[in-house]
């Protein structure tokens, strides 16, 4: 059994005047499943996952550059600032989803190529 290597990639935020970019980490399906299980609650027989989305984005985003606050000062990547960006920047969550999908495709293709498939 071999533990997969951690894979990260920088993605530039399209059309961003400040040149923002985000370092995204590839997450294995099992890792996402464990994160989801950590946030599982059952209320009246209904499965809910409070906090899962925020935890997922926090696990995906490793670093960012040129992300500025309302005052124009650079924002440090913190859970609070990540939530602020997700809630206030239109399309940022979709951008991160697209980055994660792109990275997952790249990882899958590289693994298939290394196996000779």
C-alpha atoms as a PDB file:
ATOM      1  CA  UNK A   1       0.000   0.000   0.000  1.00  0.00           C
ATOM      2  CA  UNK A   2       1.321   3.426  -0.908  1.00  0.00           C
ATOM      3  CA  UNK A   3       0.009   6.702   0.485  1.00  0.00           C
ATOM      4  CA  UNK A   4      -0.471   9.171  -2.389  1.00  0.00           C
ATOM      5  CA  UNK A   5       1.775  12.198  -2.581  1.00  0.00           C
ATOM      6  CA  UNK A   6       0.234  15.522  -1.585  1.00  0.00           C
ATOM      7  CA  UNK A   7      -0.534  17.517  -4.763  1.00  0.00           C
ATOM      8  CA  UNK A   8      -1.019  21.273  -4.792  1.00  0.00           C
ATOM      9  CA  UNK A   9      -1.395  23.761  -7.632  1.00  0.00           C
ATOM     10  CA  UNK A  10      -1.655  27.539  -7.928  1.00  0.00           C
ATOM     11  CA  UNK A  11      -4.697  28.912  -9.768  1.00  0.00           C
ATOM     12  CA  UNK A  12      -5.056  32.536 -10.842  1.00  0.00           C
ATOM     13  CA  UNK A  13      -8.446  34.097 -10.171  1.00  0.00           C
ATOM     14  CA  UNK A  14      -9.728  34.928 -13.677  1.00  0.00           C
ATOM     15  CA  UNK A  15     -10.212  38.600 -14.390  1.00  0.00           C
ATOM     16  CA  UNK A  16      -9.045  39.726 -10.956  1.00  0.00           C
ATOM     17  CA  UNK A  17      -7.561  43.234 -11.169  1.00  0.00           C
ATOM     18  CA  UNK A  18      -5.307  42.575  -8.167  1.00  0.00           C
ATOM     19  CA  UNK A  19      -3.826  39.374  -9.601  1.00  0.00           C
ATOM     20  CA  UNK A  20      -5.216  37.154  -6.857  1.00  0.00           C
ATOM     21  CA  UNK A  21      -4.226  33.521  -6.930  1.00  0.00           C
ATOM     22  CA  UNK A  22      -4.990  30.536  -4.724  1.00  0.00           C
ATOM     23  CA  UNK A  23      -2.958  27.432  -3.875  1.00  0.00           C
ATOM     24  CA  UNK A  24      -5.383  24.492  -3.933  1.00  0.00           C
ATOM     25  CA  UNK A  25      -4.678  21.047  -2.509  1.00  0.00           C
ATOM     26  CA  UNK A  26      -5.982  17.861  -4.115  1.00  0.00           C
ATOM     27  CA  UNK A  27      -8.146  15.894  -1.720  1.00  0.00           C
ATOM     28  CA  UNK A  28      -8.563  12.151  -2.069  1.00  0.00           C
ATOM     29  CA  UNK A  29     -12.158  10.832  -2.060  1.00  0.00           C
ATOM     30  CA  UNK A  30     -11.544   9.059   1.241  1.00  0.00           C
ATOM     31  CA  UNK A  31     -10.295  12.264   2.811  1.00  0.00           C
ATOM     32  CA  UNK A  32     -13.435  14.102   1.722  1.00  0.00           C
ATOM     33  CA  UNK A  33     -15.525  11.227   3.090  1.00  0.00           C
ATOM     34  CA  UNK A  34     -13.798  11.420   6.459  1.00  0.00           C
ATOM     35  CA  UNK A  35     -14.310  15.171   6.588  1.00  0.00           C
ATOM     36  CA  UNK A  36     -17.974  14.679   5.764  1.00  0.00           C
ATOM     37  CA  UNK A  37     -18.324  12.024   8.458  1.00  0.00           C
ATOM     38  CA  UNK A  38     -16.753  14.391  10.988  1.00  0.00           C
ATOM     39  CA  UNK A  39     -19.614  16.836  10.321  1.00  0.00           C
ATOM     40  CA  UNK A  40     -22.501  14.367  10.249  1.00  0.00           C
ATOM     41  CA  UNK A  41     -25.459  14.914  12.539  1.00  0.00           C
ATOM     42  CA  UNK A  42     -28.829  13.209  12.413  1.00  0.00           C
ATOM     43  CA  UNK A  43     -31.920  15.174  13.389  1.00  0.00           C
ATOM     44  CA  UNK A  44     -35.342  13.543  13.214  1.00  0.00           C
ATOM     45  CA  UNK A  45     -33.900  10.838  10.972  1.00  0.00           C
ATOM     46  CA  UNK A  46     -32.466  13.388   8.542  1.00  0.00           C
ATOM     47  CA  UNK A  47     -28.726  13.378   7.875  1.00  0.00           C
ATOM     48  CA  UNK A  48     -27.200  16.849   7.979  1.00  0.00           C
ATOM     49  CA  UNK A  49     -23.643  18.053   7.553  1.00  0.00           C
ATOM     50  CA  UNK A  50     -23.375  21.429   9.318  1.00  0.00           C
ATOM     51  CA  UNK A  51     -20.058  23.104   8.737  1.00  0.00           C
ATOM     52  CA  UNK A  52     -18.953  20.609   6.088  1.00  0.00           C
ATOM     53  CA  UNK A  53     -18.762  23.115   3.231  1.00  0.00           C
ATOM     54  CA  UNK A  54     -16.649  25.553   5.207  1.00  0.00           C
ATOM     55  CA  UNK A  55     -14.386  22.747   6.422  1.00  0.00           C
ATOM     56  CA  UNK A  56     -13.999  21.456   2.874  1.00  0.00           C
ATOM     57  CA  UNK A  57     -12.952  24.845   1.513  1.00  0.00           C
ATOM     58  CA  UNK A  58     -10.607  25.339   4.474  1.00  0.00           C
ATOM     59  CA  UNK A  59      -8.952  22.002   3.654  1.00  0.00           C
ATOM     60  CA  UNK A  60      -8.738  22.802  -0.082  1.00  0.00           C
ATOM     61  CA  UNK A  61      -7.206  26.272   0.150  1.00  0.00           C
ATOM     62  CA  UNK A  62      -3.588  26.088   1.304  1.00  0.00           C
ATOM     63  CA  UNK A  63      -2.535  29.682   0.626  1.00  0.00           C
ATOM     64  CA  UNK A  64      -3.552  32.750  -1.313  1.00  0.00           C
ATOM     65  CA  UNK A  65      -1.856  35.830  -2.684  1.00  0.00           C
ATOM     66  CA  UNK A  66      -3.130  39.296  -3.587  1.00  0.00           C
ATOM     67  CA  UNK A  67      -6.448  38.814  -1.794  1.00  0.00           C
ATOM     68  CA  UNK A  68      -7.292  42.206  -0.375  1.00  0.00           C
ATOM     69  CA  UNK A  69      -9.742  43.351   2.269  1.00  0.00           C
ATOM     70  CA  UNK A  70     -12.240  46.183   1.874  1.00  0.00           C
ATOM     71  CA  UNK A  71      -9.527  48.663   2.900  1.00  0.00           C
ATOM     72  CA  UNK A  72      -7.157  47.397   0.194  1.00  0.00           C
ATOM     73  CA  UNK A  73      -4.780  45.740   2.649  1.00  0.00           C
ATOM     74  CA  UNK A  74      -3.697  42.125   2.037  1.00  0.00           C
ATOM     75  CA  UNK A  75      -5.784  39.538   3.866  1.00  0.00           C
ATOM     76  CA  UNK A  76      -4.022  36.686   5.593  1.00  0.00           C
ATOM     77  CA  UNK A  77      -5.560  33.302   4.854  1.00  0.00           C
ATOM     78  CA  UNK A  78      -7.528  32.453   7.988  1.00  0.00           C
ATOM     79  CA  UNK A  79     -10.774  30.515   8.364  1.00  0.00           C
ATOM     80  CA  UNK A  80     -12.600  33.791   9.039  1.00  0.00           C
ATOM     81  CA  UNK A  81     -11.132  35.535   5.986  1.00  0.00           C
ATOM     82  CA  UNK A  82     -11.839  32.535   3.788  1.00  0.00           C
ATOM     83  CA  UNK A  83     -15.495  32.616   4.852  1.00  0.00           C
ATOM     84  CA  UNK A  84     -15.537  36.366   4.214  1.00  0.00           C
ATOM     85  CA  UNK A  85     -14.274  35.786   0.652  1.00  0.00           C
ATOM     86  CA  UNK A  86     -16.714  32.928   0.055  1.00  0.00           C
ATOM     87  CA  UNK A  87     -19.665  35.014   1.242  1.00  0.00           C
ATOM     88  CA  UNK A  88     -18.762  38.353  -0.322  1.00  0.00           C
ATOM     89  CA  UNK A  89     -16.998  37.603  -3.622  1.00  0.00           C
ATOM     90  CA  UNK A  90     -19.441  36.465  -6.262  1.00  0.00           C
ATOM     91  CA  UNK A  91     -18.314  33.250  -7.930  1.00  0.00           C
ATOM     92  CA  UNK A  92     -15.423  32.523  -5.550  1.00  0.00           C
ATOM     93  CA  UNK A  93     -16.904  29.244  -4.298  1.00  0.00           C
ATOM     94  CA  UNK A  94     -17.546  28.095  -7.875  1.00  0.00           C
ATOM     95  CA  UNK A  95     -13.979  29.085  -8.782  1.00  0.00           C
ATOM     96  CA  UNK A  96     -12.639  26.897  -5.948  1.00  0.00           C
ATOM     97  CA  UNK A  97     -14.909  24.025  -7.031  1.00  0.00           C
ATOM     98  CA  UNK A  98     -13.586  24.347 -10.593  1.00  0.00           C
ATOM     99  CA  UNK A  99      -9.985  24.408  -9.337  1.00  0.00           C
ATOM    100  CA  UNK A 100     -10.568  21.257  -7.269  1.00  0.00           C
ATOM    101  CA  UNK A 101     -12.156  19.516 -10.283  1.00  0.00           C
ATOM    102  CA  UNK A 102      -9.294  20.534 -12.572  1.00  0.00           C
ATOM    103  CA  UNK A 103      -6.710  19.332 -10.078  1.00  0.00           C
ATOM    104  CA  UNK A 104      -8.560  16.034  -9.540  1.00  0.00           C
ATOM    105  CA  UNK A 105      -8.610  15.453 -13.317  1.00  0.00           C
ATOM    106  CA  UNK A 106      -4.895  16.203 -13.572  1.00  0.00           C
ATOM    107  CA  UNK A 107      -4.055  13.848 -10.701  1.00  0.00           C
ATOM    108  CA  UNK A 108      -6.229  11.090 -12.205  1.00  0.00           C
ATOM    109  CA  UNK A 109      -4.590  11.459 -15.637  1.00  0.00           C
ATOM    110  CA  UNK A 110      -1.087  11.432 -14.154  1.00  0.00           C
ATOM    111  CA  UNK A 111      -1.848   8.318 -12.108  1.00  0.00           C
ATOM    112  CA  UNK A 112      -3.327   6.530 -15.117  1.00  0.00           C
ATOM    113  CA  UNK A 113      -0.283   7.465 -17.216  1.00  0.00           C
ATOM    114  CA  UNK A 114       2.104   6.202 -14.537  1.00  0.00           C
ATOM    115  CA  UNK A 115       0.267   2.852 -14.469  1.00  0.00           C
ATOM    116  CA  UNK A 116       0.458   2.639 -18.241  1.00  0.00           C
ATOM    117  CA  UNK A 117      -3.308   2.884 -18.821  1.00  0.00           C
END
